[in-house]
N, C-alpha and C. Protein backbone atom coordinates (compact mmCIF):
# COMPACT_ATOMS: atom_id res chain seq x y z
N MET A 1 4.39 -123.07 111.46
CA MET A 1 4.57 -124.67 112.85
C MET A 1 4.72 -124.68 111.28
N THR A 2 5.82 -125.70 111.76
CA THR A 2 6.09 -126.39 110.86
C THR A 2 6.59 -128.13 111.80
N SER A 3 6.61 -129.20 111.73
CA SER A 3 6.70 -130.38 113.46
C SER A 3 7.26 -131.24 112.56
N ASN A 4 7.94 -131.93 113.75
CA ASN A 4 8.20 -133.68 113.24
C ASN A 4 8.08 -134.62 113.30
N ARG A 5 6.61 -134.28 112.14
CA ARG A 5 5.24 -135.24 112.25
C ARG A 5 4.70 -134.95 110.98
N LEU A 6 4.88 -135.64 109.88
CA LEU A 6 4.70 -135.10 108.92
C LEU A 6 2.60 -134.97 109.53
N THR A 7 2.40 -136.08 109.68
CA THR A 7 0.23 -135.40 110.13
C THR A 7 0.52 -133.88 110.44
N ARG A 8 1.81 -133.43 111.27
CA ARG A 8 1.20 -132.18 111.49
C ARG A 8 1.83 -130.35 110.14
N HIS A 9 2.27 -131.49 109.41
CA HIS A 9 3.31 -130.34 108.71
C HIS A 9 2.37 -129.71 107.98
N VAL A 10 2.25 -128.22 107.87
CA VAL A 10 1.50 -127.68 107.53
C VAL A 10 1.93 -127.70 105.76
N THR A 11 2.66 -127.16 105.16
CA THR A 11 3.70 -127.54 103.95
C THR A 11 3.44 -128.47 103.47
N ALA A 12 3.70 -129.81 104.31
CA ALA A 12 2.29 -131.16 104.40
C ALA A 12 0.99 -131.03 103.57
N ARG A 13 0.81 -130.80 104.43
CA ARG A 13 -1.21 -130.99 104.00
C ARG A 13 -1.21 -130.45 102.73
N ALA A 14 -0.84 -128.73 103.01
CA ALA A 14 -0.95 -127.66 101.26
C ALA A 14 -0.74 -128.03 100.45
N LEU A 15 0.31 -129.13 100.50
CA LEU A 15 0.38 -130.20 99.06
C LEU A 15 -0.74 -131.03 99.06
N VAL A 16 -0.93 -132.23 99.65
CA VAL A 16 -1.06 -132.73 100.06
C VAL A 16 -2.71 -132.25 98.38
N ALA A 17 -2.99 -131.14 99.79
CA ALA A 17 -4.34 -130.60 99.79
C ALA A 17 -4.86 -129.99 97.74
N THR A 18 -3.11 -129.71 97.07
CA THR A 18 -2.51 -129.10 96.08
C THR A 18 -2.93 -129.94 95.11
N LEU A 19 -2.22 -131.36 95.42
CA LEU A 19 -2.05 -132.17 94.51
C LEU A 19 -3.24 -133.31 94.76
N PHE A 20 -4.57 -133.41 95.42
CA PHE A 20 -5.18 -133.94 95.01
C PHE A 20 -6.71 -133.19 95.58
N PRO A 21 -7.34 -132.70 95.35
CA PRO A 21 -7.73 -131.86 94.98
C PRO A 21 -9.53 -133.18 94.81
N ALA A 22 -10.66 -132.45 95.62
CA ALA A 22 -11.73 -133.06 94.70
C ALA A 22 -12.07 -133.49 93.32
N GLY A 23 -12.08 -134.32 92.86
CA GLY A 23 -12.45 -134.36 92.10
C GLY A 23 -14.42 -134.60 90.91
N ASP A 24 -14.55 -135.00 89.64
CA ASP A 24 -16.32 -134.95 89.22
C ASP A 24 -16.13 -136.66 89.71
N ARG A 25 -15.19 -137.42 89.73
CA ARG A 25 -14.83 -138.79 90.17
C ARG A 25 -14.20 -138.96 91.60
N LEU A 26 -12.95 -138.50 91.68
CA LEU A 26 -12.06 -138.96 93.19
C LEU A 26 -11.99 -138.48 94.03
N PRO A 27 -12.22 -138.78 95.38
CA PRO A 27 -12.43 -137.39 96.08
C PRO A 27 -11.15 -137.00 96.51
N ALA A 28 -11.47 -135.60 97.31
CA ALA A 28 -9.99 -135.49 98.00
C ALA A 28 -9.11 -135.93 98.61
N ALA A 29 -7.94 -135.71 98.36
CA ALA A 29 -6.86 -136.19 98.85
C ALA A 29 -7.14 -136.26 100.89
N ASP A 30 -7.82 -136.67 101.83
CA ASP A 30 -7.69 -136.71 103.23
C ASP A 30 -6.46 -136.51 104.11
N PRO A 31 -5.24 -135.40 104.77
CA PRO A 31 -4.26 -135.90 105.43
C PRO A 31 -3.90 -136.88 106.06
N ASP A 32 -5.56 -136.58 107.32
CA ASP A 32 -5.30 -137.29 108.19
C ASP A 32 -5.62 -138.82 107.75
N VAL A 33 -5.53 -139.64 106.89
CA VAL A 33 -5.71 -141.05 106.73
C VAL A 33 -4.21 -141.24 105.93
N LEU A 34 -4.10 -140.35 104.84
CA LEU A 34 -2.85 -140.05 103.70
C LEU A 34 -1.08 -139.70 104.72
N LEU A 35 -2.09 -138.76 105.32
CA LEU A 35 0.25 -139.37 106.22
C LEU A 35 0.83 -139.33 107.54
N PRO A 36 -0.20 -140.15 108.33
CA PRO A 36 0.40 -141.23 108.66
C PRO A 36 0.81 -142.54 108.81
N ASP A 37 0.51 -142.67 107.19
CA ASP A 37 1.07 -143.98 106.62
C ASP A 37 2.37 -143.17 106.67
N LEU A 38 2.75 -142.92 105.62
CA LEU A 38 3.69 -141.53 105.37
C LEU A 38 5.23 -141.65 106.72
N ASP A 39 4.84 -141.16 108.08
CA ASP A 39 4.98 -140.81 109.02
C ASP A 39 6.20 -142.14 109.81
N ALA A 40 5.08 -143.22 109.64
CA ALA A 40 4.83 -145.28 109.70
C ALA A 40 6.49 -145.17 109.38
N HIS A 41 7.28 -144.90 108.16
CA HIS A 41 8.48 -144.95 107.86
C HIS A 41 9.30 -143.70 108.04
N PRO A 42 10.34 -143.48 109.29
CA PRO A 42 11.39 -142.55 109.36
C PRO A 42 11.90 -142.24 108.84
N ARG A 43 12.48 -142.59 108.69
CA ARG A 43 13.72 -142.49 106.86
C ARG A 43 12.88 -141.48 105.89
N LEU A 44 11.78 -142.33 105.23
CA LEU A 44 10.78 -141.42 104.28
C LEU A 44 10.37 -140.74 104.76
N ALA A 45 9.77 -140.28 106.19
CA ALA A 45 9.55 -139.17 106.71
C ALA A 45 10.29 -137.61 106.49
N ARG A 46 11.55 -137.95 106.92
CA ARG A 46 12.60 -137.40 107.16
C ARG A 46 12.90 -136.98 105.72
N ALA A 47 13.31 -137.32 104.42
CA ALA A 47 13.77 -136.96 103.00
C ALA A 47 12.35 -136.39 102.73
N LEU A 48 10.63 -136.97 103.44
CA LEU A 48 9.60 -135.85 102.80
C LEU A 48 9.85 -134.25 103.62
N ARG A 49 10.51 -134.87 104.76
CA ARG A 49 10.42 -133.09 105.53
C ARG A 49 11.63 -132.19 104.67
N LEU A 50 11.86 -132.79 104.05
CA LEU A 50 13.87 -132.58 103.76
C LEU A 50 13.33 -131.25 102.80
N GLY A 51 12.51 -132.30 101.61
CA GLY A 51 11.49 -131.63 100.06
C GLY A 51 10.49 -130.18 100.13
N LEU A 52 10.18 -131.12 101.70
CA LEU A 52 8.80 -129.74 101.91
C LEU A 52 9.65 -128.49 102.57
N ALA A 53 10.76 -128.80 102.98
CA ALA A 53 11.29 -127.46 103.43
C ALA A 53 12.27 -126.49 101.93
N TRP A 54 12.57 -127.77 101.04
CA TRP A 54 12.90 -127.51 99.89
C TRP A 54 12.14 -125.97 99.23
N LEU A 55 10.53 -127.09 99.23
CA LEU A 55 8.90 -126.74 98.22
C LEU A 55 8.78 -125.10 98.76
N ALA A 56 9.20 -125.27 100.06
CA ALA A 56 8.42 -123.64 101.50
C ALA A 56 9.44 -122.60 100.77
N LEU A 57 10.49 -123.41 100.75
CA LEU A 57 11.89 -122.29 100.59
C LEU A 57 11.74 -121.23 99.80
N ARG A 58 11.73 -122.25 97.96
CA ARG A 58 11.04 -122.05 96.97
C ARG A 58 10.21 -121.47 96.38
N TYR A 59 8.63 -121.42 97.27
CA TYR A 59 7.90 -120.62 96.90
C TYR A 59 8.08 -119.26 98.16
N ARG A 60 8.59 -118.73 98.90
CA ARG A 60 8.92 -118.43 99.39
C ARG A 60 10.26 -116.68 99.11
N LEU A 61 10.04 -117.51 98.22
CA LEU A 61 11.45 -116.65 97.97
C LEU A 61 10.77 -116.35 96.53
N ARG A 62 10.02 -116.74 95.83
CA ARG A 62 10.13 -116.60 94.27
C ARG A 62 8.94 -115.48 94.95
N HIS A 63 7.61 -116.20 96.02
CA HIS A 63 6.61 -115.36 96.29
C HIS A 63 6.29 -113.72 97.65
N GLY A 64 8.25 -114.65 98.28
CA GLY A 64 7.70 -113.78 99.56
C GLY A 64 6.70 -113.91 100.66
N GLY A 65 6.52 -115.00 100.32
CA GLY A 65 5.55 -115.60 101.66
C GLY A 65 5.26 -117.43 101.55
N ALA A 66 4.07 -117.78 103.04
CA ALA A 66 4.72 -119.69 103.14
C ALA A 66 3.40 -119.08 102.23
N PHE A 67 4.20 -120.84 102.18
CA PHE A 67 3.55 -121.44 100.57
C PHE A 67 1.75 -121.89 101.23
N HIS A 68 2.02 -122.97 102.96
CA HIS A 68 0.54 -123.81 102.95
C HIS A 68 -0.07 -122.94 102.87
N ARG A 69 0.11 -120.75 103.53
CA ARG A 69 -1.35 -119.74 103.66
C ARG A 69 -1.65 -119.14 101.76
N ALA A 70 -0.87 -119.13 100.53
CA ALA A 70 -1.55 -119.07 99.80
C ALA A 70 -2.57 -119.48 99.41
N GLY A 71 -3.51 -119.65 98.79
CA GLY A 71 -4.28 -120.23 97.43
C GLY A 71 -4.49 -121.03 97.11
N ALA A 72 -5.67 -122.32 96.71
CA ALA A 72 -5.23 -123.62 95.89
C ALA A 72 -4.48 -122.96 94.38
N GLU A 73 -5.31 -122.50 94.09
CA GLU A 73 -4.73 -122.02 92.59
C GLU A 73 -3.61 -121.33 92.90
N ARG A 74 -3.22 -120.73 93.36
CA ARG A 74 -1.89 -120.11 93.69
C ARG A 74 -1.16 -120.64 94.19
N ARG A 75 -0.65 -121.50 94.62
CA ARG A 75 -0.26 -123.23 94.94
C ARG A 75 -0.09 -124.16 94.04
N ALA A 76 -1.53 -124.18 93.41
CA ALA A 76 -1.14 -124.80 91.97
C ALA A 76 -0.53 -124.05 90.80
N ALA A 77 -0.43 -123.34 90.61
CA ALA A 77 0.19 -122.34 89.86
C ALA A 77 1.55 -122.43 89.27
N PHE A 78 2.13 -122.44 90.67
CA PHE A 78 3.20 -122.80 90.97
C PHE A 78 4.15 -123.83 90.90
N ILE A 79 3.37 -125.32 91.76
CA ILE A 79 4.01 -126.43 91.51
C ILE A 79 3.64 -127.00 89.55
N GLU A 80 2.87 -126.06 88.71
CA GLU A 80 3.21 -127.03 87.47
C GLU A 80 3.88 -125.51 86.87
N GLY A 81 5.00 -124.64 87.48
CA GLY A 81 5.63 -124.11 87.17
C GLY A 81 7.03 -124.11 87.22
N LEU A 82 6.85 -125.32 88.23
CA LEU A 82 8.25 -126.29 88.82
C LEU A 82 8.12 -127.40 87.88
N THR A 83 7.68 -127.89 87.07
CA THR A 83 7.64 -128.68 86.28
C THR A 83 7.98 -129.06 85.32
N HIS A 84 8.49 -127.62 84.92
CA HIS A 84 8.71 -127.09 83.68
C HIS A 84 10.81 -127.04 83.31
N ARG A 85 10.84 -126.69 84.84
CA ARG A 85 12.20 -126.40 84.93
C ARG A 85 12.88 -127.11 85.27
N PRO A 86 14.03 -128.25 84.40
CA PRO A 86 15.23 -129.39 84.50
C PRO A 86 14.77 -130.28 86.12
N LEU A 87 15.66 -129.42 86.69
CA LEU A 87 16.17 -130.32 87.69
C LEU A 87 15.10 -130.10 88.82
N SER A 88 14.15 -128.40 89.18
CA SER A 88 13.19 -128.19 90.16
C SER A 88 12.10 -129.95 89.71
N GLY A 89 11.58 -129.95 88.51
CA GLY A 89 10.89 -130.63 87.96
C GLY A 89 11.46 -131.54 88.61
N ARG A 90 12.59 -132.19 88.37
CA ARG A 90 12.58 -133.81 88.75
C ARG A 90 12.44 -133.63 90.42
N LEU A 91 12.87 -132.59 90.95
CA LEU A 91 12.59 -132.76 93.05
C LEU A 91 11.63 -132.25 93.17
N LEU A 92 10.30 -132.52 92.50
CA LEU A 92 8.57 -132.63 92.80
C LEU A 92 8.54 -133.41 91.91
N ARG A 93 8.73 -134.05 91.04
CA ARG A 93 8.44 -135.36 91.08
C ARG A 93 8.73 -136.18 92.10
N ALA A 94 10.31 -136.59 92.90
CA ALA A 94 10.61 -136.68 93.74
C ALA A 94 9.98 -136.84 95.07
N LEU A 95 9.54 -135.57 95.81
CA LEU A 95 8.87 -135.02 96.18
C LEU A 95 7.78 -135.75 96.51
N CYS A 96 6.71 -135.88 95.08
CA CYS A 96 5.13 -136.06 95.50
C CYS A 96 5.24 -138.22 95.35
N LEU A 97 5.89 -138.41 94.29
CA LEU A 97 5.95 -139.01 94.50
C LEU A 97 5.43 -140.75 95.37
N PRO A 98 5.89 -140.33 97.42
CA PRO A 98 4.93 -140.87 97.30
C PRO A 98 4.24 -141.09 98.22
N PHE A 99 3.32 -139.30 97.76
CA PHE A 99 2.77 -139.32 98.90
C PHE A 99 0.80 -139.71 97.15
N LYS A 100 1.90 -139.68 96.31
CA LYS A 100 0.81 -139.60 95.24
C LYS A 100 -0.13 -141.60 95.51
N ALA A 101 1.43 -141.67 95.55
CA ALA A 101 1.24 -144.43 96.23
C ALA A 101 0.18 -143.97 97.05
N ARG A 102 0.60 -142.85 97.60
CA ARG A 102 -0.32 -143.29 99.20
C ARG A 102 -1.50 -142.92 98.94
N TYR A 103 -1.64 -142.13 97.94
CA TYR A 103 -3.71 -141.54 97.81
C TYR A 103 -3.79 -142.57 97.32
N LEU A 104 -3.12 -143.19 96.42
CA LEU A 104 -3.74 -144.59 95.65
C LEU A 104 -4.06 -145.02 95.87
N LEU A 105 -2.79 -145.96 97.59
CA LEU A 105 -3.49 -146.70 98.18
C LEU A 105 -4.81 -146.48 99.18
N ASP A 106 -5.39 -145.03 99.16
CA ASP A 106 -6.32 -144.58 100.06
C ASP A 106 -7.79 -146.07 99.34
N GLU A 107 -8.35 -146.54 100.35
CA GLU A 107 -9.73 -147.83 100.03
C GLU A 107 -10.83 -146.70 99.45
N ARG A 108 -11.08 -145.04 100.02
CA ARG A 108 -11.94 -144.59 99.45
C ARG A 108 -11.65 -144.15 97.73
N VAL A 109 -10.55 -144.07 97.43
CA VAL A 109 -9.89 -143.99 95.83
C VAL A 109 -9.87 -144.93 95.30
N GLU A 110 -9.86 -146.29 95.24
CA GLU A 110 -9.57 -147.47 95.26
C GLU A 110 -10.95 -148.12 95.08
N ALA A 111 -11.91 -147.79 95.67
CA ALA A 111 -13.62 -148.12 94.91
C ALA A 111 -13.77 -146.85 94.31
N ALA A 112 -13.49 -145.29 94.00
CA ALA A 112 -13.79 -144.52 93.16
C ALA A 112 -13.94 -144.79 91.81
N ALA A 113 -12.80 -145.24 91.73
CA ALA A 113 -11.98 -145.34 91.11
C ALA A 113 -12.58 -147.23 90.41
N GLY A 114 -12.94 -148.26 91.17
CA GLY A 114 -12.80 -149.10 90.61
C GLY A 114 -12.32 -149.58 90.36
N ARG A 115 -11.42 -150.54 91.73
CA ARG A 115 -9.91 -151.33 92.23
C ARG A 115 -9.79 -152.32 90.54
N CYS A 116 -9.05 -152.16 90.22
CA CYS A 116 -7.99 -152.81 89.57
C CYS A 116 -7.52 -154.22 90.30
N PRO A 117 -7.36 -155.26 89.45
CA PRO A 117 -6.10 -155.59 90.04
C PRO A 117 -5.16 -155.63 90.07
N PRO A 118 -3.88 -156.29 91.39
CA PRO A 118 -2.70 -155.31 91.43
C PRO A 118 -1.89 -155.96 90.24
N ARG A 119 -1.03 -155.78 89.74
CA ARG A 119 0.84 -155.82 88.99
C ARG A 119 1.20 -156.50 90.01
N TRP A 120 1.93 -157.53 90.26
CA TRP A 120 3.17 -157.62 90.77
C TRP A 120 3.82 -158.61 90.24
N SER A 121 4.27 -157.84 89.19
CA SER A 121 5.53 -158.70 88.21
C SER A 121 6.30 -157.28 88.96
N ILE A 122 5.60 -156.09 88.38
CA ILE A 122 6.34 -154.87 89.41
C ILE A 122 6.02 -154.29 90.56
N SER A 123 5.12 -154.06 90.64
CA SER A 123 4.55 -154.02 92.70
C SER A 123 5.32 -155.40 93.74
N ALA A 124 5.33 -156.46 93.63
CA ALA A 124 6.54 -156.81 94.58
C ALA A 124 7.43 -157.20 94.23
N GLY A 125 8.15 -156.53 93.17
CA GLY A 125 9.62 -156.54 92.99
C GLY A 125 10.02 -157.82 92.07
N GLY A 126 9.90 -157.30 90.40
CA GLY A 126 10.97 -158.97 89.73
C GLY A 126 9.81 -159.71 89.46
N ASN A 127 10.14 -161.29 89.37
CA ASN A 127 9.34 -162.32 88.76
C ASN A 127 8.44 -162.59 90.31
N LYS A 128 8.37 -161.94 91.18
CA LYS A 128 7.84 -162.93 92.95
C LYS A 128 6.22 -161.55 92.57
N SER A 129 5.79 -162.67 92.92
CA SER A 129 4.28 -163.03 93.63
C SER A 129 3.86 -163.01 94.80
N PRO A 130 2.77 -162.50 95.39
CA PRO A 130 2.33 -162.89 96.71
C PRO A 130 2.71 -164.10 97.41
N PRO A 131 2.93 -165.01 98.98
CA PRO A 131 2.25 -166.09 99.38
C PRO A 131 0.52 -165.94 98.69
N PRO A 132 0.15 -167.41 98.40
CA PRO A 132 -0.86 -167.69 98.42
C PRO A 132 -2.04 -166.91 99.15
N GLY A 133 -2.65 -166.62 99.07
CA GLY A 133 -3.93 -166.35 100.42
C GLY A 133 -4.19 -164.77 101.15
N THR A 134 -2.59 -164.28 100.70
CA THR A 134 -1.75 -162.83 101.01
C THR A 134 -1.97 -161.33 99.70
N ALA A 135 -2.88 -161.96 98.97
CA ALA A 135 -2.85 -161.24 97.57
C ALA A 135 -3.99 -160.18 98.21
N THR A 136 -2.94 -158.97 98.92
CA THR A 136 -3.72 -157.91 99.21
C THR A 136 -3.53 -156.35 98.73
N ARG A 137 -3.83 -155.56 98.93
CA ARG A 137 -2.72 -154.83 98.79
C ARG A 137 -2.01 -153.86 99.82
N THR A 138 -2.34 -154.49 101.35
CA THR A 138 -1.72 -154.50 102.52
C THR A 138 -0.26 -155.16 102.89
N TRP A 139 -0.35 -155.78 101.57
CA TRP A 139 1.00 -156.84 101.05
C TRP A 139 2.17 -155.56 100.49
N ILE A 140 1.86 -155.71 99.18
CA ILE A 140 2.47 -154.58 98.74
C ILE A 140 3.03 -152.99 99.26
N TRP A 141 2.12 -152.50 100.18
CA TRP A 141 1.97 -151.09 100.86
C TRP A 141 3.71 -151.60 102.14
N LYS A 142 2.97 -153.62 103.07
CA LYS A 142 4.89 -153.56 103.51
C LYS A 142 5.94 -153.63 102.68
N ARG A 143 5.70 -154.27 101.91
CA ARG A 143 7.03 -155.19 101.47
C ARG A 143 7.31 -154.07 100.02
N THR A 144 6.84 -152.69 100.08
CA THR A 144 7.60 -151.53 99.74
C THR A 144 8.86 -151.08 100.12
N ARG A 145 10.01 -150.81 100.35
CA ARG A 145 11.33 -150.60 100.35
C ARG A 145 11.03 -149.20 99.82
N TRP A 146 11.83 -148.09 100.85
CA TRP A 146 11.96 -146.63 100.24
C TRP A 146 13.12 -146.80 100.11
């Protein structure tokens, strides 16, 4: 089942589960927290849906089944294999970047990792600093242009 919303997109949920399994220190990603924020940016959501369609088609052509129905180990091995190909590796990195950025801004992940001070010169763009009293991760998220 695919949908216009990333929150209900089965390939998006499977990719999130594959990229961010629970570890010793960091929690597994929660698609119900991660995906709605990405859905809030229409152009980004559309680009992600196109990338997810590419990923699902690549998997189907190679393995003859649906990406979201495969086991976690098989999905991880498939993604690992794509990273070593010149074009597919770049497409995969571009597809995964917004998911990774949102995962790192999750409060549970920040708490487990030990909140680090933000790097404003990189996050806010150029030499700009946040307005006084607004130095929060929300400011970074809202200032990001996709």
